[in-house]
Amino acid sequence: MKPLVITLISFWFICCSTDKEKMLAAESDAAGILFDKAGVIEIEISGEENAYTFNTTVISPDTGCDQYADWWEVIDLKGNLIYRRILTHSHVDEQPFSRSGAGIPVTEGTQVYVRVHVNSLGYAPEVQKGSVENGFMAAQLDSGFAQELEKEDPLPSGCAF
């Protein structure tokens, strides 16, 4: 349904409007609809306390280096960065995809959020919240929560493809 809506909105603006601002607004709305498909959808955990490995499954609206999931991260409930896994390339033809991060310094009972960042869109609202002890569940997190972490190292140094 959403791709049809995007197509119809885009078609209307292209065919029926000469106002460039309206066309840009339609593109922005379409990007917002696509962003609904970004998020962390599953986490598998192994290892030992203060050195866990999170195998994190992400879905993102990757189109190439212009728009791709460039990292996922583990943050505490106050918004402090615990761990960040840099993703060095887009996953256009691999959706959803899983990548592991090792040595994550949390205790068994520590509750955290695991979220994904898209280079051109920011943080996705679809996150996982939970702990190693009790497991993780899907949750919504305001995209502005701990947004200042976007500037905190480590950060990607580029996109391979």
Protein backbone atom coordinates (compact mmCIF):
# COMPACT_ATOMS: atom_id res chain seq x y z
CA MET A 1 0.00 0.00 0.00
CA LYS A 2 2.73 2.51 0.93
CA PRO A 3 4.65 2.16 -2.39
CA LEU A 4 1.37 2.87 -4.24
CA VAL A 5 0.77 5.98 -2.11
CA ILE A 6 4.33 7.19 -2.74
CA THR A 7 3.92 6.63 -6.48
CA LEU A 8 0.57 8.43 -6.62
CA ILE A 9 1.81 11.41 -4.61
CA SER A 10 4.96 11.67 -6.71
CA PHE A 11 2.99 11.33 -9.96
CA TRP A 12 0.54 14.05 -8.94
CA PHE A 13 3.30 16.48 -8.04
CA ILE A 14 5.31 15.77 -11.18
CA CYS A 15 2.36 15.96 -13.56
CA CYS A 16 0.20 18.56 -11.92
CA SER A 17 2.58 20.97 -10.26
CA THR A 18 5.36 23.20 -11.42
CA ASP A 19 6.15 24.39 -7.93
CA LYS A 20 9.59 22.99 -7.04
CA GLU A 21 8.93 23.34 -3.28
CA LYS A 22 5.87 21.08 -3.55
CA MET A 23 7.92 18.48 -5.41
CA LEU A 24 10.61 18.57 -2.72
CA ALA A 25 7.93 18.22 -0.03
CA ALA A 26 6.61 15.10 -1.74
CA GLU A 27 10.11 13.60 -1.82
CA SER A 28 10.52 14.38 1.88
CA ASP A 29 7.17 12.69 2.68
CA ALA A 30 8.22 9.65 0.66
CA ALA A 31 11.49 9.42 2.61
CA GLY A 32 9.51 9.55 5.86
CA ILE A 33 7.36 6.65 4.70
CA LEU A 34 10.46 4.66 3.73
CA PHE A 35 11.96 5.35 7.15
CA ASP A 36 9.12 3.32 8.65
CA LYS A 37 11.00 0.26 7.37
CA ALA A 38 14.21 0.96 9.30
CA GLY A 39 14.96 -0.58 12.65
CA VAL A 40 16.51 -3.32 14.74
CA ILE A 41 14.27 -6.36 14.46
CA GLU A 42 16.12 -9.11 16.34
CA ILE A 43 19.08 -9.70 18.67
CA GLU A 44 20.81 -12.99 19.47
CA ILE A 45 23.26 -12.92 22.36
CA SER A 46 26.20 -15.09 23.28
CA GLY A 47 29.28 -14.76 25.46
CA GLU A 48 29.91 -13.76 29.03
CA GLU A 49 28.99 -10.83 31.24
CA ASN A 50 30.78 -7.60 30.26
CA ALA A 51 31.94 -9.22 27.01
CA TYR A 52 28.74 -10.24 25.20
CA THR A 53 28.37 -10.65 21.46
CA PHE A 54 25.17 -9.22 20.00
CA ASN A 55 24.20 -10.61 16.59
CA THR A 56 21.87 -7.81 15.53
CA THR A 57 19.39 -8.03 12.66
CA VAL A 58 18.60 -4.73 10.98
CA ILE A 59 16.22 -3.65 8.26
CA SER A 60 16.92 -0.37 6.50
CA PRO A 61 15.93 1.50 3.34
CA ASP A 62 19.39 1.19 1.77
CA THR A 63 19.79 2.61 -1.73
CA GLY A 64 23.61 2.71 -1.82
CA CYS A 65 26.13 5.01 -0.17
CA ASP A 66 23.67 7.92 -0.46
CA GLN A 67 21.35 6.18 2.04
CA TYR A 68 22.29 3.20 4.17
CA ALA A 69 22.42 1.94 7.74
CA ASP A 70 25.85 3.12 8.82
CA TRP A 71 25.84 1.75 12.39
CA TRP A 72 23.89 0.08 15.12
CA GLU A 73 24.52 0.84 18.75
CA VAL A 74 23.80 -0.19 22.31
CA ILE A 75 22.82 2.63 24.67
CA ASP A 76 21.67 2.69 28.26
CA LEU A 77 18.20 3.92 29.19
CA LYS A 78 19.59 7.41 29.89
CA GLY A 79 21.07 7.66 26.38
CA ASN A 80 24.74 6.96 27.08
CA LEU A 81 26.65 5.12 24.38
CA ILE A 82 27.85 1.68 25.47
CA TYR A 83 28.87 0.17 22.13
CA ARG A 84 28.69 1.06 18.41
CA ARG A 85 29.08 -1.34 15.47
CA ILE A 86 30.12 0.57 12.34
CA LEU A 87 28.69 -0.75 9.06
CA THR A 88 31.10 -0.02 6.21
CA HIS A 89 28.80 -0.48 3.22
CA SER A 90 25.17 -0.49 2.13
CA HIS A 91 23.02 -3.63 2.09
CA VAL A 92 20.74 -2.86 -0.85
CA ASP A 93 20.23 -6.50 -1.87
CA GLU A 94 20.50 -7.99 1.62
CA GLN A 95 17.43 -7.01 3.67
CA PRO A 96 17.12 -7.64 6.49
CA PHE A 97 20.77 -8.28 7.36
CA SER A 98 22.64 -9.33 10.51
CA ARG A 99 25.99 -8.17 11.84
CA SER A 100 27.70 -9.08 15.10
CA GLY A 101 29.38 -6.87 17.61
CA ALA A 102 31.65 -8.40 20.28
CA GLY A 103 32.96 -7.36 23.67
CA ILE A 104 29.83 -5.45 24.65
CA PRO A 105 30.35 -4.32 28.26
CA VAL A 106 26.97 -4.90 29.92
CA THR A 107 25.93 -7.04 32.85
CA GLU A 108 23.29 -9.72 32.52
CA GLY A 109 20.56 -7.58 34.09
CA THR A 110 21.39 -4.19 32.54
CA GLN A 111 18.51 -2.87 30.44
CA VAL A 112 19.56 -1.23 27.19
CA TYR A 113 18.27 -0.06 23.83
CA VAL A 114 19.72 -1.36 20.58
CA ARG A 115 19.04 0.97 17.66
CA VAL A 116 20.16 1.61 14.09
CA HIS A 117 21.29 4.84 12.44
CA VAL A 118 20.75 5.63 8.75
CA ASN A 119 23.32 8.07 7.35
CA SER A 120 20.84 10.34 5.57
CA LEU A 121 17.87 9.96 7.94
CA GLY A 122 19.24 9.69 11.47
CA TYR A 123 18.10 7.23 14.12
CA ALA A 124 15.27 4.84 13.31
CA PRO A 125 12.40 4.72 15.81
CA GLU A 126 12.14 0.89 15.75
CA VAL A 127 14.47 -0.38 18.48
CA GLN A 128 14.90 -3.37 20.74
CA LYS A 129 14.75 -2.83 24.49
CA GLY A 130 15.75 -5.35 27.12
CA SER A 131 18.55 -7.20 28.83
CA VAL A 132 20.60 -10.35 28.37
CA GLU A 133 18.80 -11.86 31.36
CA ASN A 134 15.21 -11.18 30.21
CA GLY A 135 15.59 -10.91 26.45
CA PHE A 136 14.70 -8.11 24.06
CA MET A 137 11.40 -6.86 22.69
CA ALA A 138 10.46 -4.41 19.97
CA ALA A 139 9.94 -0.88 21.21
CA GLN A 140 9.53 2.62 19.81
CA LEU A 141 12.04 5.27 20.70
CA ASP A 142 11.77 8.91 19.73
CA SER A 143 14.34 9.55 16.98
CA GLY A 144 15.52 12.60 18.93
CA PHE A 145 16.42 10.55 22.03
CA ALA A 146 20.19 10.87 22.62
CA GLN A 147 20.54 12.33 19.12
CA GLU A 148 23.81 14.01 20.16
CA LEU A 149 25.42 10.56 19.91
CA GLU A 150 25.44 11.05 16.12
CA LYS A 151 28.60 13.12 16.63
CA GLU A 152 30.30 10.82 19.14
CA ASP A 153 33.15 8.52 18.09
CA PRO A 154 33.50 5.98 16.70
CA LEU A 155 31.98 7.23 13.44
CA PRO A 156 32.10 5.76 9.92
CA SER A 157 34.97 6.93 7.75
CA GLY A 158 33.16 6.29 4.48
CA CYS A 159 31.06 3.85 2.52
CA ALA A 160 32.62 1.13 0.39
CA PHE A 161 29.54 0.50 -1.82
